[in-house]
């Protein structure tokens, strides 16, 4: 269950950092800050670092876990951001 919570938390934080209009004035224009895969990695690493401060997720704090959770957060944030949009599940109709 920790892994499920981790994925949902990292996706939520990543979506807020990348897409929330509240950050438009302070979000740099660099591509990195508009990429859910890039920001997702660092969100995952951040969550592992604050892991000792929460009881919601519980992983050992070490370099390998930080990297693995960063990669997991990056991948799942990218996939989920491509599956879900502001109006629910994205459905591409393709070319006719």
PDB file of N, CA and C in Angstrom:
ATOM      1  N   UNK A   1       0.820  -1.189   0.000  1.00  0.00           N
ATOM      2  CA  UNK A   1       0.000   0.000   0.000  1.00  0.00           C
ATOM      3  C   UNK A   1       0.870   1.261   0.000  1.00  0.00           C
ATOM      4  N   UNK A   2       2.068   1.166   0.603  1.00  0.00           N
ATOM      5  CA  UNK A   2       2.984   2.311   0.609  1.00  0.00           C
ATOM      6  C   UNK A   2       3.312   2.758  -0.812  1.00  0.00           C
ATOM      7  N   UNK A   3       3.530   1.787  -1.687  1.00  0.00           N
ATOM      8  CA  UNK A   3       3.884   2.100  -3.070  1.00  0.00           C
ATOM      9  C   UNK A   3       2.732   2.812  -3.784  1.00  0.00           C
ATOM     10  N   UNK A   4       1.527   2.371  -3.537  1.00  0.00           N
ATOM     11  CA  UNK A   4       0.348   2.998  -4.134  1.00  0.00           C
ATOM     12  C   UNK A   4       0.214   4.447  -3.665  1.00  0.00           C
ATOM     13  N   UNK A   5       0.359   4.672  -2.371  1.00  0.00           N
ATOM     14  CA  UNK A   5       0.314   6.035  -1.828  1.00  0.00           C
ATOM     15  C   UNK A   5       1.429   6.893  -2.419  1.00  0.00           C
ATOM     16  N   UNK A   6       2.614   6.310  -2.515  1.00  0.00           N
ATOM     17  CA  UNK A   6       3.754   7.033  -3.066  1.00  0.00           C
ATOM     18  C   UNK A   6       3.457   7.497  -4.493  1.00  0.00           C
ATOM     19  N   UNK A   7       2.915   6.609  -5.316  1.00  0.00           N
ATOM     20  CA  UNK A   7       2.616   6.946  -6.707  1.00  0.00           C
ATOM     21  C   UNK A   7       1.565   8.055  -6.787  1.00  0.00           C
ATOM     22  N   UNK A   8       0.504   7.940  -6.002  1.00  0.00           N
ATOM     23  CA  UNK A   8      -0.539   8.969  -6.032  1.00  0.00           C
ATOM     24  C   UNK A   8      -0.034  10.319  -5.530  1.00  0.00           C
ATOM     25  N   UNK A   9       0.754  10.299  -4.461  1.00  0.00           N
ATOM     26  CA  UNK A   9       1.297  11.542  -3.917  1.00  0.00           C
ATOM     27  C   UNK A   9       2.248  12.193  -4.919  1.00  0.00           C
ATOM     28  N   UNK A  10       3.144  11.401  -5.490  1.00  0.00           N
ATOM     29  CA  UNK A  10       4.113  11.965  -6.437  1.00  0.00           C
ATOM     30  C   UNK A  10       3.418  12.502  -7.685  1.00  0.00           C
ATOM     31  N   UNK A  11       2.389  11.806  -8.163  1.00  0.00           N
ATOM     32  CA  UNK A  11       1.639  12.299  -9.320  1.00  0.00           C
ATOM     33  C   UNK A  11       0.944  13.615  -8.993  1.00  0.00           C
ATOM     34  N   UNK A  12       0.310  13.680  -7.832  1.00  0.00           N
ATOM     35  CA  UNK A  12      -0.383  14.900  -7.441  1.00  0.00           C
ATOM     36  C   UNK A  12       0.544  16.092  -7.319  1.00  0.00           C
ATOM     37  N   UNK A  13       1.667  15.896  -6.652  1.00  0.00           N
ATOM     38  CA  UNK A  13       2.633  16.996  -6.489  1.00  0.00           C
ATOM     39  C   UNK A  13       3.192  17.415  -7.834  1.00  0.00           C
ATOM     40  N   UNK A  14       3.518  16.437  -8.670  1.00  0.00           N
ATOM     41  CA  UNK A  14       4.072  16.741  -9.998  1.00  0.00           C
ATOM     42  C   UNK A  14       3.075  17.530 -10.832  1.00  0.00           C
ATOM     43  N   UNK A  15       1.814  17.115 -10.830  1.00  0.00           N
ATOM     44  CA  UNK A  15       0.792  17.826 -11.596  1.00  0.00           C
ATOM     45  C   UNK A  15       0.649  19.269 -11.124  1.00  0.00           C
ATOM     46  N   UNK A  16       0.667  19.465  -9.820  1.00  0.00           N
ATOM     47  CA  UNK A  16       0.551  20.817  -9.286  1.00  0.00           C
ATOM     48  C   UNK A  16       1.748  21.673  -9.695  1.00  0.00           C
ATOM     49  N   UNK A  17       2.946  21.125  -9.572  1.00  0.00           N
ATOM     50  CA  UNK A  17       4.144  21.902  -9.912  1.00  0.00           C
ATOM     51  C   UNK A  17       4.234  22.215 -11.404  1.00  0.00           C
ATOM     52  N   UNK A  18       3.808  21.287 -12.250  1.00  0.00           N
ATOM     53  CA  UNK A  18       3.955  21.462 -13.700  1.00  0.00           C
ATOM     54  C   UNK A  18       2.797  22.248 -14.306  1.00  0.00           C
ATOM     55  N   UNK A  19       1.564  22.031 -13.823  1.00  0.00           N
ATOM     56  CA  UNK A  19       0.400  22.576 -14.515  1.00  0.00           C
ATOM     57  C   UNK A  19      -0.412  23.621 -13.756  1.00  0.00           C
ATOM     58  N   UNK A  20      -0.254  23.758 -12.463  1.00  0.00           N
ATOM     59  CA  UNK A  20      -1.111  24.669 -11.692  1.00  0.00           C
ATOM     60  C   UNK A  20      -0.868  26.125 -12.077  1.00  0.00           C
ATOM     61  N   UNK A  21      -1.949  26.830 -12.338  1.00  0.00           N
ATOM     62  CA  UNK A  21      -1.827  28.236 -12.750  1.00  0.00           C
ATOM     63  C   UNK A  21      -1.309  29.122 -11.629  1.00  0.00           C
ATOM     64  N   UNK A  22      -1.432  28.675 -10.400  1.00  0.00           N
ATOM     65  CA  UNK A  22      -0.947  29.475  -9.272  1.00  0.00           C
ATOM     66  C   UNK A  22       0.575  29.684  -9.345  1.00  0.00           C
ATOM     67  N   UNK A  23       1.270  28.789 -10.015  1.00  0.00           N
ATOM     68  CA  UNK A  23       2.728  28.894 -10.130  1.00  0.00           C
ATOM     69  C   UNK A  23       3.176  29.545 -11.440  1.00  0.00           C
ATOM     70  N   UNK A  24       2.262  29.997 -12.278  1.00  0.00           N
ATOM     71  CA  UNK A  24       2.635  30.561 -13.582  1.00  0.00           C
ATOM     72  C   UNK A  24       3.597  31.733 -13.469  1.00  0.00           C
ATOM     73  N   UNK A  25       3.420  32.577 -12.468  1.00  0.00           N
ATOM     74  CA  UNK A  25       4.270  33.770 -12.339  1.00  0.00           C
ATOM     75  C   UNK A  25       5.677  33.439 -11.858  1.00  0.00           C
ATOM     76  N   UNK A  26       5.838  32.349 -11.122  1.00  0.00           N
ATOM     77  CA  UNK A  26       7.157  32.028 -10.573  1.00  0.00           C
ATOM     78  C   UNK A  26       7.809  30.833 -11.263  1.00  0.00           C
ATOM     79  N   UNK A  27       7.055  30.107 -12.109  1.00  0.00           N
ATOM     80  CA  UNK A  27       7.605  28.943 -12.809  1.00  0.00           C
ATOM     81  C   UNK A  27       8.494  29.416 -13.954  1.00  0.00           C
ATOM     82  N   UNK A  28       9.773  29.019 -13.955  1.00  0.00           N
ATOM     83  CA  UNK A  28      10.666  29.405 -15.048  1.00  0.00           C
ATOM     84  C   UNK A  28      10.175  28.837 -16.393  1.00  0.00           C
ATOM     85  N   UNK A  29      10.561  29.481 -17.482  1.00  0.00           N
ATOM     86  CA  UNK A  29      10.127  29.056 -18.813  1.00  0.00           C
ATOM     87  C   UNK A  29      10.931  27.868 -19.354  1.00  0.00           C
ATOM     88  N   UNK A  30      11.941  27.455 -18.649  1.00  0.00           N
ATOM     89  CA  UNK A  30      12.769  26.333 -19.097  1.00  0.00           C
ATOM     90  C   UNK A  30      11.923  25.076 -19.250  1.00  0.00           C
ATOM     91  N   UNK A  31      12.242  24.253 -20.248  1.00  0.00           N
ATOM     92  CA  UNK A  31      11.490  23.023 -20.548  1.00  0.00           C
ATOM     93  C   UNK A  31      11.355  22.113 -19.327  1.00  0.00           C
ATOM     94  N   UNK A  32      12.382  22.053 -18.503  1.00  0.00           N
ATOM     95  CA  UNK A  32      12.377  21.169 -17.333  1.00  0.00           C
ATOM     96  C   UNK A  32      11.141  21.371 -16.468  1.00  0.00           C
ATOM     97  N   UNK A  33      10.744  22.596 -16.261  1.00  0.00           N
ATOM     98  CA  UNK A  33       9.645  22.914 -15.355  1.00  0.00           C
ATOM     99  C   UNK A  33       8.267  22.688 -15.975  1.00  0.00           C
ATOM    100  N   UNK A  34       8.230  22.274 -17.233  1.00  0.00           N
ATOM    101  CA  UNK A  34       6.974  21.964 -17.916  1.00  0.00           C
ATOM    102  C   UNK A  34       6.921  20.486 -18.299  1.00  0.00           C
ATOM    103  N   UNK A  35       7.812  19.696 -17.755  1.00  0.00           N
ATOM    104  CA  UNK A  35       7.935  18.279 -18.100  1.00  0.00           C
ATOM    105  C   UNK A  35       7.588  17.426 -16.875  1.00  0.00           C
ATOM    106  N   UNK A  36       6.492  16.668 -16.977  1.00  0.00           N
ATOM    107  CA  UNK A  36       6.081  15.857 -15.824  1.00  0.00           C
ATOM    108  C   UNK A  36       7.076  14.735 -15.538  1.00  0.00           C
ATOM    109  N   UNK A  37       7.810  14.302 -16.542  1.00  0.00           N
ATOM    110  CA  UNK A  37       8.815  13.259 -16.322  1.00  0.00           C
ATOM    111  C   UNK A  37      10.017  13.820 -15.556  1.00  0.00           C
ATOM    112  N   UNK A  38      10.453  15.004 -15.917  1.00  0.00           N
ATOM    113  CA  UNK A  38      11.611  15.633 -15.264  1.00  0.00           C
ATOM    114  C   UNK A  38      11.295  16.028 -13.825  1.00  0.00           C
ATOM    115  N   UNK A  39      10.214  16.753 -13.646  1.00  0.00           N
ATOM    116  CA  UNK A  39       9.821  17.194 -12.311  1.00  0.00           C
ATOM    117  C   UNK A  39       9.448  15.988 -11.454  1.00  0.00           C
ATOM    118  N   UNK A  40       8.810  14.979 -12.074  1.00  0.00           N
ATOM    119  CA  UNK A  40       8.410  13.777 -11.352  1.00  0.00           C
ATOM    120  C   UNK A  40       9.576  13.059 -10.702  1.00  0.00           C
ATOM    121  N   UNK A  41      10.730  13.025 -11.378  1.00  0.00           N
ATOM    122  CA  UNK A  41      11.907  12.379 -10.801  1.00  0.00           C
ATOM    123  C   UNK A  41      12.294  13.055  -9.490  1.00  0.00           C
ATOM    124  N   UNK A  42      12.392  14.375  -9.519  1.00  0.00           N
ATOM    125  CA  UNK A  42      12.831  15.095  -8.328  1.00  0.00           C
ATOM    126  C   UNK A  42      11.779  15.087  -7.232  1.00  0.00           C
ATOM    127  N   UNK A  43      10.519  15.007  -7.599  1.00  0.00           N
ATOM    128  CA  UNK A  43       9.461  14.855  -6.598  1.00  0.00           C
ATOM    129  C   UNK A  43       9.624  13.514  -5.886  1.00  0.00           C
ATOM    130  N   UNK A  44       9.914  12.456  -6.639  1.00  0.00           N
ATOM    131  CA  UNK A  44      10.136  11.143  -6.034  1.00  0.00           C
ATOM    132  C   UNK A  44      11.314  11.138  -5.079  1.00  0.00           C
ATOM    133  N   UNK A  45      12.400  11.769  -5.472  1.00  0.00           N
ATOM    134  CA  UNK A  45      13.576  11.863  -4.602  1.00  0.00           C
ATOM    135  C   UNK A  45      13.226  12.667  -3.350  1.00  0.00           C
ATOM    136  N   UNK A  46      12.513  13.761  -3.528  1.00  0.00           N
ATOM    137  CA  UNK A  46      12.092  14.582  -2.394  1.00  0.00           C
ATOM    138  C   UNK A  46      11.224  13.787  -1.414  1.00  0.00           C
ATOM    139  N   UNK A  47      10.303  13.006  -1.934  1.00  0.00           N
ATOM    140  CA  UNK A  47       9.430  12.214  -1.067  1.00  0.00           C
ATOM    141  C   UNK A  47      10.213  11.177  -0.268  1.00  0.00           C
ATOM    142  N   UNK A  48      11.238  10.595  -0.870  1.00  0.00           N
ATOM    143  CA  UNK A  48      12.071   9.650  -0.120  1.00  0.00           C
ATOM    144  C   UNK A  48      12.829  10.387   0.974  1.00  0.00           C
ATOM    145  N   UNK A  49      13.280  11.599   0.697  1.00  0.00           N
ATOM    146  CA  UNK A  49      14.030  12.365   1.694  1.00  0.00           C
ATOM    147  C   UNK A  49      13.161  12.793   2.873  1.00  0.00           C
ATOM    148  N   UNK A  50      11.886  13.094   2.622  1.00  0.00           N
ATOM    149  CA  UNK A  50      11.007  13.485   3.727  1.00  0.00           C
ATOM    150  C   UNK A  50      10.282  12.280   4.331  1.00  0.00           C
ATOM    151  N   UNK A  51      10.567  11.121   3.818  1.00  0.00           N
ATOM    152  CA  UNK A  51       9.957   9.877   4.272  1.00  0.00           C
ATOM    153  C   UNK A  51       9.989   9.696   5.788  1.00  0.00           C
ATOM    154  N   UNK A  52      11.099   9.990   6.485  1.00  0.00           N
ATOM    155  CA  UNK A  52      11.110   9.821   7.938  1.00  0.00           C
ATOM    156  C   UNK A  52      10.130  10.733   8.679  1.00  0.00           C
ATOM    157  N   UNK A  53       9.627  11.769   8.016  1.00  0.00           N
ATOM    158  CA  UNK A  53       8.730  12.720   8.661  1.00  0.00           C
ATOM    159  C   UNK A  53       7.257  12.341   8.539  1.00  0.00           C
ATOM    160  N   UNK A  54       6.959  11.277   7.815  1.00  0.00           N
ATOM    161  CA  UNK A  54       5.572  10.891   7.599  1.00  0.00           C
ATOM    162  C   UNK A  54       5.366   9.410   7.888  1.00  0.00           C
ATOM    163  N   UNK A  55       4.150   9.055   8.210  1.00  0.00           N
ATOM    164  CA  UNK A  55       3.806   7.652   8.420  1.00  0.00           C
ATOM    165  C   UNK A  55       3.033   7.093   7.232  1.00  0.00           C
ATOM    166  N   UNK A  56       2.757   7.932   6.242  1.00  0.00           N
ATOM    167  CA  UNK A  56       1.977   7.511   5.095  1.00  0.00           C
ATOM    168  C   UNK A  56       2.771   6.598   4.169  1.00  0.00           C
ATOM    169  N   UNK A  57       4.020   6.943   3.941  1.00  0.00           N
ATOM    170  CA  UNK A  57       4.913   6.087   3.155  1.00  0.00           C
ATOM    171  C   UNK A  57       6.100   5.729   4.036  1.00  0.00           C
ATOM    172  N   UNK A  58       6.644   4.546   3.830  1.00  0.00           N
ATOM    173  CA  UNK A  58       7.692   4.075   4.723  1.00  0.00           C
ATOM    174  C   UNK A  58       8.740   3.279   3.944  1.00  0.00           C
ATOM    175  N   UNK A  59       9.789   3.967   3.496  1.00  0.00           N
ATOM    176  CA  UNK A  59      10.886   3.344   2.768  1.00  0.00           C
ATOM    177  C   UNK A  59      12.194   3.678   3.472  1.00  0.00           C
ATOM    178  N   UNK A  60      13.153   2.811   3.362  1.00  0.00           N
ATOM    179  CA  UNK A  60      14.476   3.106   3.930  1.00  0.00           C
ATOM    180  C   UNK A  60      15.100   4.266   3.177  1.00  0.00           C
ATOM    181  N   UNK A  61      15.765   5.106   3.924  1.00  0.00           N
ATOM    182  CA  UNK A  61      16.397   6.282   3.346  1.00  0.00           C
ATOM    183  C   UNK A  61      17.820   5.930   2.935  1.00  0.00           C
ATOM    184  N   UNK A  62      18.025   5.694   1.633  1.00  0.00           N
ATOM    185  CA  UNK A  62      19.358   5.462   1.091  1.00  0.00           C
ATOM    186  C   UNK A  62      19.375   5.889  -0.374  1.00  0.00           C
ATOM    187  N   UNK A  63      20.553   5.953  -0.948  1.00  0.00           N
ATOM    188  CA  UNK A  63      20.718   6.453  -2.307  1.00  0.00           C
ATOM    189  C   UNK A  63      19.979   5.602  -3.330  1.00  0.00           C
ATOM    190  N   UNK A  64      20.058   4.293  -3.198  1.00  0.00           N
ATOM    191  CA  UNK A  64      19.420   3.403  -4.172  1.00  0.00           C
ATOM    192  C   UNK A  64      17.907   3.583  -4.138  1.00  0.00           C
ATOM    193  N   UNK A  65      17.319   3.641  -2.958  1.00  0.00           N
ATOM    194  CA  UNK A  65      15.876   3.867  -2.861  1.00  0.00           C
ATOM    195  C   UNK A  65      15.492   5.231  -3.421  1.00  0.00           C
ATOM    196  N   UNK A  66      16.292   6.241  -3.149  1.00  0.00           N
ATOM    197  CA  UNK A  66      15.993   7.581  -3.664  1.00  0.00           C
ATOM    198  C   UNK A  66      15.990   7.575  -5.191  1.00  0.00           C
ATOM    199  N   UNK A  67      16.964   6.928  -5.804  1.00  0.00           N
ATOM    200  CA  UNK A  67      17.015   6.855  -7.269  1.00  0.00           C
ATOM    201  C   UNK A  67      15.852   6.034  -7.822  1.00  0.00           C
ATOM    202  N   UNK A  68      15.614   4.872  -7.234  1.00  0.00           N
ATOM    203  CA  UNK A  68      14.528   4.002  -7.723  1.00  0.00           C
ATOM    204  C   UNK A  68      13.170   4.679  -7.590  1.00  0.00           C
ATOM    205  N   UNK A  69      12.934   5.344  -6.484  1.00  0.00           N
ATOM    206  CA  UNK A  69      11.660   6.016  -6.296  1.00  0.00           C
ATOM    207  C   UNK A  69      11.548   7.253  -7.192  1.00  0.00           C
ATOM    208  N   UNK A  70      12.674   7.893  -7.470  1.00  0.00           N
ATOM    209  CA  UNK A  70      12.663   8.992  -8.435  1.00  0.00           C
ATOM    210  C   UNK A  70      12.291   8.502  -9.816  1.00  0.00           C
ATOM    211  N   UNK A  71      12.859   7.373 -10.217  1.00  0.00           N
ATOM    212  CA  UNK A  71      12.527   6.794 -11.524  1.00  0.00           C
ATOM    213  C   UNK A  71      11.075   6.343 -11.575  1.00  0.00           C
ATOM    214  N   UNK A  72      10.605   5.720 -10.514  1.00  0.00           N
ATOM    215  CA  UNK A  72       9.210   5.288 -10.453  1.00  0.00           C
ATOM    216  C   UNK A  72       8.266   6.480 -10.529  1.00  0.00           C
ATOM    217  N   UNK A  73       8.566   7.507  -9.777  1.00  0.00           N
ATOM    218  CA  UNK A  73       7.741   8.714  -9.790  1.00  0.00           C
ATOM    219  C   UNK A  73       7.752   9.374 -11.164  1.00  0.00           C
ATOM    220  N   UNK A  74       8.908   9.426 -11.794  1.00  0.00           N
ATOM    221  CA  UNK A  74       9.036  10.017 -13.118  1.00  0.00           C
ATOM    222  C   UNK A  74       8.184   9.266 -14.137  1.00  0.00           C
ATOM    223  N   UNK A  75       8.323   7.966 -14.162  1.00  0.00           N
ATOM    224  CA  UNK A  75       7.593   7.148 -15.133  1.00  0.00           C
ATOM    225  C   UNK A  75       6.093   7.177 -14.917  1.00  0.00           C
ATOM    226  N   UNK A  76       5.673   6.999 -13.682  1.00  0.00           N
ATOM    227  CA  UNK A  76       4.233   6.971 -13.423  1.00  0.00           C
ATOM    228  C   UNK A  76       3.602   8.355 -13.592  1.00  0.00           C
ATOM    229  N   UNK A  77       4.324   9.401 -13.237  1.00  0.00           N
ATOM    230  CA  UNK A  77       3.792  10.751 -13.449  1.00  0.00           C
ATOM    231  C   UNK A  77       3.615  11.032 -14.926  1.00  0.00           C
ATOM    232  N   UNK A  78       4.566  10.597 -15.738  1.00  0.00           N
ATOM    233  CA  UNK A  78       4.475  10.790 -17.189  1.00  0.00           C
ATOM    234  C   UNK A  78       3.296  10.019 -17.776  1.00  0.00           C
ATOM    235  N   UNK A  79       3.190   8.750 -17.404  1.00  0.00           N
ATOM    236  CA  UNK A  79       2.103   7.909 -17.935  1.00  0.00           C
ATOM    237  C   UNK A  79       0.744   8.451 -17.493  1.00  0.00           C
ATOM    238  N   UNK A  80       0.602   8.739 -16.207  1.00  0.00           N
ATOM    239  CA  UNK A  80      -0.680   9.218 -15.703  1.00  0.00           C
ATOM    240  C   UNK A  80      -1.050  10.584 -16.274  1.00  0.00           C
ATOM    241  N   UNK A  81      -0.058  11.454 -16.491  1.00  0.00           N
ATOM    242  CA  UNK A  81      -0.371  12.764 -17.063  1.00  0.00           C
ATOM    243  C   UNK A  81      -0.788  12.648 -18.524  1.00  0.00           C
ATOM    244  N   UNK A  82      -0.351  11.583 -19.204  1.00  0.00           N
ATOM    245  CA  UNK A  82      -0.800  11.365 -20.576  1.00  0.00           C
ATOM    246  C   UNK A  82      -2.148  10.650 -20.634  1.00  0.00           C
ATOM    247  N   UNK A  83      -2.506   9.945 -19.582  1.00  0.00           N
ATOM    248  CA  UNK A  83      -3.796   9.249 -19.539  1.00  0.00           C
ATOM    249  C   UNK A  83      -4.936  10.148 -19.084  1.00  0.00           C
ATOM    250  N   UNK A  84      -4.642  11.062 -18.150  1.00  0.00           N
ATOM    251  CA  UNK A  84      -5.680  11.899 -17.558  1.00  0.00           C
ATOM    252  C   UNK A  84      -5.412  13.367 -17.847  1.00  0.00           C
ATOM    253  N   UNK A  85      -6.472  14.078 -18.209  1.00  0.00           N
ATOM    254  CA  UNK A  85      -6.393  15.515 -18.438  1.00  0.00           C
ATOM    255  C   UNK A  85      -7.344  16.240 -17.502  1.00  0.00           C
ATOM    256  N   UNK A  86      -7.571  17.499 -17.772  1.00  0.00           N
ATOM    257  CA  UNK A  86      -8.455  18.306 -16.938  1.00  0.00           C
ATOM    258  C   UNK A  86      -9.902  17.812 -16.963  1.00  0.00           C
ATOM    259  N   UNK A  87     -10.270  17.119 -18.026  1.00  0.00           N
ATOM    260  CA  UNK A  87     -11.657  16.687 -18.184  1.00  0.00           C
ATOM    261  C   UNK A  87     -11.803  15.168 -18.088  1.00  0.00           C
ATOM    262  N   UNK A  88     -10.869  14.518 -17.427  1.00  0.00           N
ATOM    263  CA  UNK A  88     -10.956  13.062 -17.229  1.00  0.00           C
ATOM    264  C   UNK A  88      -9.999  12.300 -18.126  1.00  0.00           C
ATOM    265  N   UNK A  89     -10.396  11.103 -18.495  1.00  0.00           N
ATOM    266  CA  UNK A  89      -9.541  10.229 -19.308  1.00  0.00           C
ATOM    267  C   UNK A  89      -9.430  10.805 -20.714  1.00  0.00           C
ATOM    268  N   UNK A  90      -8.203  10.894 -21.200  1.00  0.00           N
ATOM    269  CA  UNK A  90      -7.962  11.401 -22.546  1.00  0.00           C
ATOM    270  C   UNK A  90      -8.221  10.291 -23.559  1.00  0.00           C
ATOM    271  N   UNK A  91      -8.975  10.619 -24.577  1.00  0.00           N
ATOM    272  CA  UNK A  91      -9.251   9.649 -25.641  1.00  0.00           C
ATOM    273  C   UNK A  91      -8.847  10.291 -26.957  1.00  0.00           C
ATOM    274  N   UNK A  92      -7.812   9.740 -27.591  1.00  0.00           N
ATOM    275  CA  UNK A  92      -7.392  10.221 -28.893  1.00  0.00           C
ATOM    276  C   UNK A  92      -8.239   9.515 -29.949  1.00  0.00           C
ATOM    277  N   UNK A  93      -8.830  10.292 -30.836  1.00  0.00           N
ATOM    278  CA  UNK A  93      -9.681   9.706 -31.868  1.00  0.00           C
ATOM    279  C   UNK A  93      -8.896   9.258 -33.079  1.00  0.00           C
ATOM    280  N   UNK A  94      -7.627   9.632 -33.166  1.00  0.00           N
ATOM    281  CA  UNK A  94      -6.799   9.211 -34.284  1.00  0.00           C
ATOM    282  C   UNK A  94      -7.201   9.899 -35.584  1.00  0.00           C
ATOM    283  N   UNK A  95      -6.416   9.659 -36.600  1.00  0.00           N
ATOM    284  CA  UNK A  95      -6.700  10.270 -37.913  1.00  0.00           C
ATOM    285  C   UNK A  95      -7.656   9.390 -38.672  1.00  0.00           C
ATOM    286  N   UNK A  96      -8.561  10.030 -39.370  1.00  0.00           N
ATOM    287  CA  UNK A  96      -9.536   9.273 -40.155  1.00  0.00           C
ATOM    288  C   UNK A  96      -9.229   9.321 -41.617  1.00  0.00           C
TER     289      UNK A  96
END
